[in-house]
Amino acid sequence: SYSSGPTTGPSVGCYTNN
């Protein structure tokens, strides 16, 4: 539900959930 920044990058409170 959250999409911000690359998924390969560090998780800074944001992640991509498909």
PDB file of N, CA and C in Angstrom:
ATOM      1  N   SER A   1       0.830  -1.204   0.000  1.00  0.00           N
ATOM      2  CA  SER A   1       0.000   0.000   0.000  1.00  0.00           C
ATOM      3  C   SER A   1       0.868   1.260   0.000  1.00  0.00           C
ATOM      4  N   TYR A   2       2.078   1.108   0.500  1.00  0.00           N
ATOM      5  CA  TYR A   2       2.989   2.252   0.524  1.00  0.00           C
ATOM      6  C   TYR A   2       3.976   2.138  -0.630  1.00  0.00           C
ATOM      7  N   SER A   3       4.143   3.222  -1.370  1.00  0.00           N
ATOM      8  CA  SER A   3       5.107   3.216  -2.466  1.00  0.00           C
ATOM      9  C   SER A   3       5.965   4.465  -2.408  1.00  0.00           C
ATOM     10  N   SER A   4       7.208   4.303  -2.012  1.00  0.00           N
ATOM     11  CA  SER A   4       8.102   5.442  -1.943  1.00  0.00           C
ATOM     12  C   SER A   4       9.554   4.981  -2.007  1.00  0.00           C
ATOM     13  N   GLY A   5      10.294   5.483  -2.992  1.00  0.00           N
ATOM     14  CA  GLY A   5      11.685   5.105  -3.131  1.00  0.00           C
ATOM     15  C   GLY A   5      11.836   3.722  -3.734  1.00  0.00           C
ATOM     16  N   PRO A   6      13.051   3.356  -4.129  1.00  0.00           N
ATOM     17  CA  PRO A   6      13.332   2.065  -4.745  1.00  0.00           C
ATOM     18  C   PRO A   6      13.247   0.933  -3.731  1.00  0.00           C
ATOM     19  N   THR A   7      12.809  -0.229  -4.178  1.00  0.00           N
ATOM     20  CA  THR A   7      12.687  -1.379  -3.278  1.00  0.00           C
ATOM     21  C   THR A   7      14.055  -1.957  -2.939  1.00  0.00           C
ATOM     22  N   THR A   8      15.041  -1.629  -3.759  1.00  0.00           N
ATOM     23  CA  THR A   8      16.386  -2.154  -3.542  1.00  0.00           C
ATOM     24  C   THR A   8      17.157  -1.268  -2.567  1.00  0.00           C
ATOM     25  N   GLY A   9      16.595  -0.110  -2.293  1.00  0.00           N
ATOM     26  CA  GLY A   9      17.247   0.834  -1.388  1.00  0.00           C
ATOM     27  C   GLY A   9      16.911   0.517   0.054  1.00  0.00           C
ATOM     28  N   PRO A  10      17.432   1.307   0.969  1.00  0.00           N
ATOM     29  CA  PRO A  10      17.187   1.129   2.403  1.00  0.00           C
ATOM     30  C   PRO A  10      15.737   1.455   2.767  1.00  0.00           C
ATOM     31  N   SER A  11      15.194   0.716   3.719  1.00  0.00           N
ATOM     32  CA  SER A  11      13.799   0.935   4.101  1.00  0.00           C
ATOM     33  C   SER A  11      13.720   2.023   5.156  1.00  0.00           C
ATOM     34  N   VAL A  12      13.307   3.219   4.748  1.00  0.00           N
ATOM     35  CA  VAL A  12      13.205   4.332   5.687  1.00  0.00           C
ATOM     36  C   VAL A  12      11.739   4.564   6.018  1.00  0.00           C
ATOM     37  N   GLY A  13      11.131   3.595   6.670  1.00  0.00           N
ATOM     38  CA  GLY A  13       9.727   3.736   7.044  1.00  0.00           C
ATOM     39  C   GLY A  13       8.795   3.645   5.851  1.00  0.00           C
ATOM     40  N   CYS A  14       9.354   3.481   4.652  1.00  0.00           N
ATOM     41  CA  CYS A  14       8.532   3.389   3.455  1.00  0.00           C
ATOM     42  C   CYS A  14       8.930   2.176   2.643  1.00  0.00           C
ATOM     43  N   TYR A  15       7.924   1.484   2.141  1.00  0.00           N
ATOM     44  CA  TYR A  15       8.202   0.295   1.333  1.00  0.00           C
ATOM     45  C   TYR A  15       7.109   0.106   0.297  1.00  0.00           C
ATOM     46  N   THR A  16       7.451  -0.601  -0.786  1.00  0.00           N
ATOM     47  CA  THR A  16       6.477  -0.816  -1.855  1.00  0.00           C
ATOM     48  C   THR A  16       5.749  -2.128  -1.631  1.00  0.00           C
ATOM     49  N   ASN A  17       4.433  -2.062  -1.493  1.00  0.00           N
ATOM     50  CA  ASN A  17       3.639  -3.263  -1.267  1.00  0.00           C
ATOM     51  C   ASN A  17       2.631  -3.436  -2.390  1.00  0.00           C
ATOM     52  N   ASN A  18       2.860  -4.442  -3.221  1.00  0.00           N
ATOM     53  CA  ASN A  18       1.959  -4.662  -4.357  1.00  0.00           C
ATOM     54  C   ASN A  18       0.898  -5.676  -3.997  1.00  0.00           C
TER      55      ASN A  18
END
